[in-house]
């Protein structure tokens, strides 16, 4: 299953960054790490445009997970609107230390969370690269490749 190439989708308007989505298809399982939208721009369709663009880039049968704080019911409801379902409840720090195979000297405080999952059931065609949605605000989504910084 081929995954999305970019690690970041960036929503811009007139060159100003309004928000971004960080998705990673490397590792044990593809994961949506975060969506950030400028607080002054929330509820303006930016997060929705980012989710639609991500899903348009996924191949049929592709699946990814997302960890959401259990108390963040607004975020859970947002993601459910885009087809994610609660798969299981976990302790956030334990989930990440296990998933990333980390050993920690001290254990962080408990942080109840839910693992949500999306699976694309049908292929949708969409352009890759710059994707403009016909939203009233003229939001432009730009796929950004991950860049690695190597020591000299």
C-alpha atoms as a PDB file:
ATOM      1  CA  UNK A   1       0.000   0.000   0.000  1.00  0.00           C
ATOM      2  CA  UNK A   2       1.677   3.181  -1.152  1.00  0.00           C
ATOM      3  CA  UNK A   3       1.341   5.996   1.323  1.00  0.00           C
ATOM      4  CA  UNK A   4       1.435   9.775   1.097  1.00  0.00           C
ATOM      5  CA  UNK A   5       4.827  11.230   0.113  1.00  0.00           C
ATOM      6  CA  UNK A   6       4.811  14.540   2.028  1.00  0.00           C
ATOM      7  CA  UNK A   7       5.155  14.611   5.763  1.00  0.00           C
ATOM      8  CA  UNK A   8       3.509  18.015   6.083  1.00  0.00           C
ATOM      9  CA  UNK A   9       0.555  19.635   4.378  1.00  0.00           C
ATOM     10  CA  UNK A  10       0.573  23.386   4.897  1.00  0.00           C
ATOM     11  CA  UNK A  11      -2.488  25.620   4.492  1.00  0.00           C
ATOM     12  CA  UNK A  12      -1.554  29.066   3.206  1.00  0.00           C
ATOM     13  CA  UNK A  13      -3.410  32.201   2.190  1.00  0.00           C
ATOM     14  CA  UNK A  14      -1.497  34.946   0.374  1.00  0.00           C
ATOM     15  CA  UNK A  15       1.774  33.379   1.553  1.00  0.00           C
ATOM     16  CA  UNK A  16       0.698  33.325   5.225  1.00  0.00           C
ATOM     17  CA  UNK A  17       0.699  29.933   6.965  1.00  0.00           C
ATOM     18  CA  UNK A  18      -2.727  29.307   8.497  1.00  0.00           C
ATOM     19  CA  UNK A  19      -2.178  25.756   9.663  1.00  0.00           C
ATOM     20  CA  UNK A  20      -0.515  22.443   8.957  1.00  0.00           C
ATOM     21  CA  UNK A  21      -0.983  18.703   9.191  1.00  0.00           C
ATOM     22  CA  UNK A  22       1.864  16.308  10.063  1.00  0.00           C
ATOM     23  CA  UNK A  23       1.475  12.764   8.725  1.00  0.00           C
ATOM     24  CA  UNK A  24       4.091  10.034   8.858  1.00  0.00           C
ATOM     25  CA  UNK A  25       3.948   6.848   6.809  1.00  0.00           C
ATOM     26  CA  UNK A  26       7.228   5.503   8.156  1.00  0.00           C
ATOM     27  CA  UNK A  27       7.604   3.276  11.177  1.00  0.00           C
ATOM     28  CA  UNK A  28       5.462   0.414  12.394  1.00  0.00           C
ATOM     29  CA  UNK A  29       2.194   2.027  11.347  1.00  0.00           C
ATOM     30  CA  UNK A  30       1.222   5.199   9.440  1.00  0.00           C
ATOM     31  CA  UNK A  31       0.168   7.935  11.841  1.00  0.00           C
ATOM     32  CA  UNK A  32      -1.417  11.365  11.730  1.00  0.00           C
ATOM     33  CA  UNK A  33       0.642  13.160  14.363  1.00  0.00           C
ATOM     34  CA  UNK A  34      -1.119  16.492  14.545  1.00  0.00           C
ATOM     35  CA  UNK A  35      -3.129  19.197  12.934  1.00  0.00           C
ATOM     36  CA  UNK A  36      -2.423  22.763  13.961  1.00  0.00           C
ATOM     37  CA  UNK A  37      -4.575  25.717  12.950  1.00  0.00           C
ATOM     38  CA  UNK A  38      -3.856  29.302  13.973  1.00  0.00           C
ATOM     39  CA  UNK A  39      -6.242  29.839  16.929  1.00  0.00           C
ATOM     40  CA  UNK A  40      -7.570  33.045  15.344  1.00  0.00           C
ATOM     41  CA  UNK A  41      -8.535  31.018  12.246  1.00  0.00           C
ATOM     42  CA  UNK A  42     -10.232  28.042  13.908  1.00  0.00           C
ATOM     43  CA  UNK A  43     -13.652  26.995  12.603  1.00  0.00           C
ATOM     44  CA  UNK A  44     -12.829  28.547   9.230  1.00  0.00           C
ATOM     45  CA  UNK A  45     -12.486  25.298   7.265  1.00  0.00           C
ATOM     46  CA  UNK A  46      -8.704  25.025   7.414  1.00  0.00           C
ATOM     47  CA  UNK A  47      -8.587  21.790   9.424  1.00  0.00           C
ATOM     48  CA  UNK A  48     -11.290  20.314   7.177  1.00  0.00           C
ATOM     49  CA  UNK A  49      -9.345  21.258   4.042  1.00  0.00           C
ATOM     50  CA  UNK A  50      -6.215  19.623   5.467  1.00  0.00           C
ATOM     51  CA  UNK A  51      -8.097  16.397   6.298  1.00  0.00           C
ATOM     52  CA  UNK A  52      -9.729  16.253   2.848  1.00  0.00           C
ATOM     53  CA  UNK A  53      -6.383  16.765   1.161  1.00  0.00           C
ATOM     54  CA  UNK A  54      -4.676  14.059   3.239  1.00  0.00           C
ATOM     55  CA  UNK A  55      -7.471  11.579   2.495  1.00  0.00           C
ATOM     56  CA  UNK A  56      -7.358  12.379  -1.224  1.00  0.00           C
ATOM     57  CA  UNK A  57      -3.683  11.350  -1.261  1.00  0.00           C
ATOM     58  CA  UNK A  58      -4.203   7.944   0.381  1.00  0.00           C
ATOM     59  CA  UNK A  59      -4.632   4.793  -1.662  1.00  0.00           C
ATOM     60  CA  UNK A  60      -7.629   2.482  -1.193  1.00  0.00           C
ATOM     61  CA  UNK A  61      -7.123   0.201   1.789  1.00  0.00           C
ATOM     62  CA  UNK A  62      -4.629   2.560   3.419  1.00  0.00           C
ATOM     63  CA  UNK A  63      -5.054   2.879   7.166  1.00  0.00           C
ATOM     64  CA  UNK A  64      -3.522   5.210   9.752  1.00  0.00           C
ATOM     65  CA  UNK A  65      -3.865   5.910  13.466  1.00  0.00           C
ATOM     66  CA  UNK A  66      -4.080   9.061  15.551  1.00  0.00           C
ATOM     67  CA  UNK A  67      -3.697   9.477  19.316  1.00  0.00           C
ATOM     68  CA  UNK A  68      -6.122  11.977  20.905  1.00  0.00           C
ATOM     69  CA  UNK A  69      -6.375  12.966  24.562  1.00  0.00           C
ATOM     70  CA  UNK A  70      -9.433  11.268  26.014  1.00  0.00           C
ATOM     71  CA  UNK A  71     -10.645  14.575  27.466  1.00  0.00           C
ATOM     72  CA  UNK A  72     -10.446  16.299  24.064  1.00  0.00           C
ATOM     73  CA  UNK A  73     -13.932  15.327  22.921  1.00  0.00           C
ATOM     74  CA  UNK A  74     -14.110  18.249  20.471  1.00  0.00           C
ATOM     75  CA  UNK A  75     -11.088  16.884  18.572  1.00  0.00           C
ATOM     76  CA  UNK A  76     -12.546  13.375  18.636  1.00  0.00           C
ATOM     77  CA  UNK A  77     -15.809  14.679  17.152  1.00  0.00           C
ATOM     78  CA  UNK A  78     -13.849  16.561  14.447  1.00  0.00           C
ATOM     79  CA  UNK A  79     -11.925  13.438  13.439  1.00  0.00           C
ATOM     80  CA  UNK A  80     -15.073  11.292  13.517  1.00  0.00           C
ATOM     81  CA  UNK A  81     -16.583  13.622  10.887  1.00  0.00           C
ATOM     82  CA  UNK A  82     -13.720  12.538   8.611  1.00  0.00           C
ATOM     83  CA  UNK A  83     -14.206   8.824   9.127  1.00  0.00           C
ATOM     84  CA  UNK A  84     -11.926   8.075  12.059  1.00  0.00           C
ATOM     85  CA  UNK A  85     -13.269   5.703  14.686  1.00  0.00           C
ATOM     86  CA  UNK A  86     -12.126   5.066  18.248  1.00  0.00           C
ATOM     87  CA  UNK A  87     -10.208   1.818  18.179  1.00  0.00           C
ATOM     88  CA  UNK A  88      -9.100   1.573  21.805  1.00  0.00           C
ATOM     89  CA  UNK A  89      -8.323   3.489  24.975  1.00  0.00           C
ATOM     90  CA  UNK A  90      -4.696   3.758  26.099  1.00  0.00           C
ATOM     91  CA  UNK A  91      -2.352   5.619  28.413  1.00  0.00           C
ATOM     92  CA  UNK A  92      -0.707   8.130  26.059  1.00  0.00           C
ATOM     93  CA  UNK A  93       2.872   7.946  27.387  1.00  0.00           C
ATOM     94  CA  UNK A  94       2.776   4.131  27.524  1.00  0.00           C
ATOM     95  CA  UNK A  95       1.426   4.008  23.980  1.00  0.00           C
ATOM     96  CA  UNK A  96       4.280   6.100  22.601  1.00  0.00           C
ATOM     97  CA  UNK A  97       7.065   4.443  24.581  1.00  0.00           C
ATOM     98  CA  UNK A  98       5.817   1.059  23.380  1.00  0.00           C
ATOM     99  CA  UNK A  99       5.214   2.143  19.766  1.00  0.00           C
ATOM    100  CA  UNK A 100       8.605   3.829  19.543  1.00  0.00           C
ATOM    101  CA  UNK A 101      10.433   1.142  21.530  1.00  0.00           C
ATOM    102  CA  UNK A 102      11.733   3.693  24.055  1.00  0.00           C
ATOM    103  CA  UNK A 103      13.110   3.139  27.513  1.00  0.00           C
ATOM    104  CA  UNK A 104      12.538   6.009  29.912  1.00  0.00           C
ATOM    105  CA  UNK A 105      14.352   6.629  33.191  1.00  0.00           C
ATOM    106  CA  UNK A 106      11.229   8.098  34.776  1.00  0.00           C
ATOM    107  CA  UNK A 107       7.632   7.535  33.819  1.00  0.00           C
ATOM    108  CA  UNK A 108       5.599  10.611  32.779  1.00  0.00           C
ATOM    109  CA  UNK A 109       2.256  11.193  34.497  1.00  0.00           C
ATOM    110  CA  UNK A 110      -0.757   9.263  33.180  1.00  0.00           C
ATOM    111  CA  UNK A 111      -2.527  10.803  30.207  1.00  0.00           C
ATOM    112  CA  UNK A 112      -5.642   8.867  29.175  1.00  0.00           C
ATOM    113  CA  UNK A 113      -6.059   8.856  25.404  1.00  0.00           C
ATOM    114  CA  UNK A 114      -7.867   7.126  22.573  1.00  0.00           C
ATOM    115  CA  UNK A 115      -6.343   5.632  19.461  1.00  0.00           C
ATOM    116  CA  UNK A 116      -8.484   6.545  16.464  1.00  0.00           C
ATOM    117  CA  UNK A 117      -8.189   4.828  13.087  1.00  0.00           C
ATOM    118  CA  UNK A 118      -9.012   5.787   9.515  1.00  0.00           C
ATOM    119  CA  UNK A 119      -9.157   3.299   6.650  1.00  0.00           C
ATOM    120  CA  UNK A 120      -9.753   4.500   3.116  1.00  0.00           C
ATOM    121  CA  UNK A 121     -12.369   2.312   1.491  1.00  0.00           C
ATOM    122  CA  UNK A 122     -12.481   3.750  -2.020  1.00  0.00           C
ATOM    123  CA  UNK A 123      -9.888   5.370  -4.227  1.00  0.00           C
ATOM    124  CA  UNK A 124     -10.515   9.004  -5.091  1.00  0.00           C
ATOM    125  CA  UNK A 125      -8.578  10.787  -7.786  1.00  0.00           C
ATOM    126  CA  UNK A 126      -6.945  14.027  -6.852  1.00  0.00           C
ATOM    127  CA  UNK A 127      -3.988  16.072  -8.020  1.00  0.00           C
ATOM    128  CA  UNK A 128      -0.735  15.606  -6.146  1.00  0.00           C
ATOM    129  CA  UNK A 129       1.335  18.618  -5.194  1.00  0.00           C
ATOM    130  CA  UNK A 130      -0.424  21.943  -4.874  1.00  0.00           C
ATOM    131  CA  UNK A 131      -4.117  21.500  -4.250  1.00  0.00           C
ATOM    132  CA  UNK A 132      -6.490  24.445  -4.142  1.00  0.00           C
ATOM    133  CA  UNK A 133      -9.988  24.011  -2.762  1.00  0.00           C
ATOM    134  CA  UNK A 134     -12.710  26.337  -3.912  1.00  0.00           C
ATOM    135  CA  UNK A 135     -13.297  27.614  -0.410  1.00  0.00           C
ATOM    136  CA  UNK A 136     -14.469  31.192   0.057  1.00  0.00           C
ATOM    137  CA  UNK A 137     -11.257  32.046   1.910  1.00  0.00           C
ATOM    138  CA  UNK A 138      -8.998  30.940  -0.936  1.00  0.00           C
ATOM    139  CA  UNK A 139      -6.981  28.462   1.151  1.00  0.00           C
ATOM    140  CA  UNK A 140      -4.089  26.873  -0.737  1.00  0.00           C
ATOM    141  CA  UNK A 141      -2.655  23.567   0.470  1.00  0.00           C
ATOM    142  CA  UNK A 142       0.993  22.931  -0.244  1.00  0.00           C
ATOM    143  CA  UNK A 143       2.644  19.542   0.199  1.00  0.00           C
ATOM    144  CA  UNK A 144       5.986  19.951   1.922  1.00  0.00           C
ATOM    145  CA  UNK A 145       8.620  17.243   1.746  1.00  0.00           C
ATOM    146  CA  UNK A 146      10.425  16.344   4.956  1.00  0.00           C
ATOM    147  CA  UNK A 147      13.917  17.764   5.016  1.00  0.00           C
ATOM    148  CA  UNK A 148      16.695  16.171   6.968  1.00  0.00           C
ATOM    149  CA  UNK A 149      19.486  18.148   8.550  1.00  0.00           C
ATOM    150  CA  UNK A 150      22.738  16.234   8.635  1.00  0.00           C
ATOM    151  CA  UNK A 151      25.665  17.190  10.855  1.00  0.00           C
ATOM    152  CA  UNK A 152      28.645  18.601   8.991  1.00  0.00           C
END
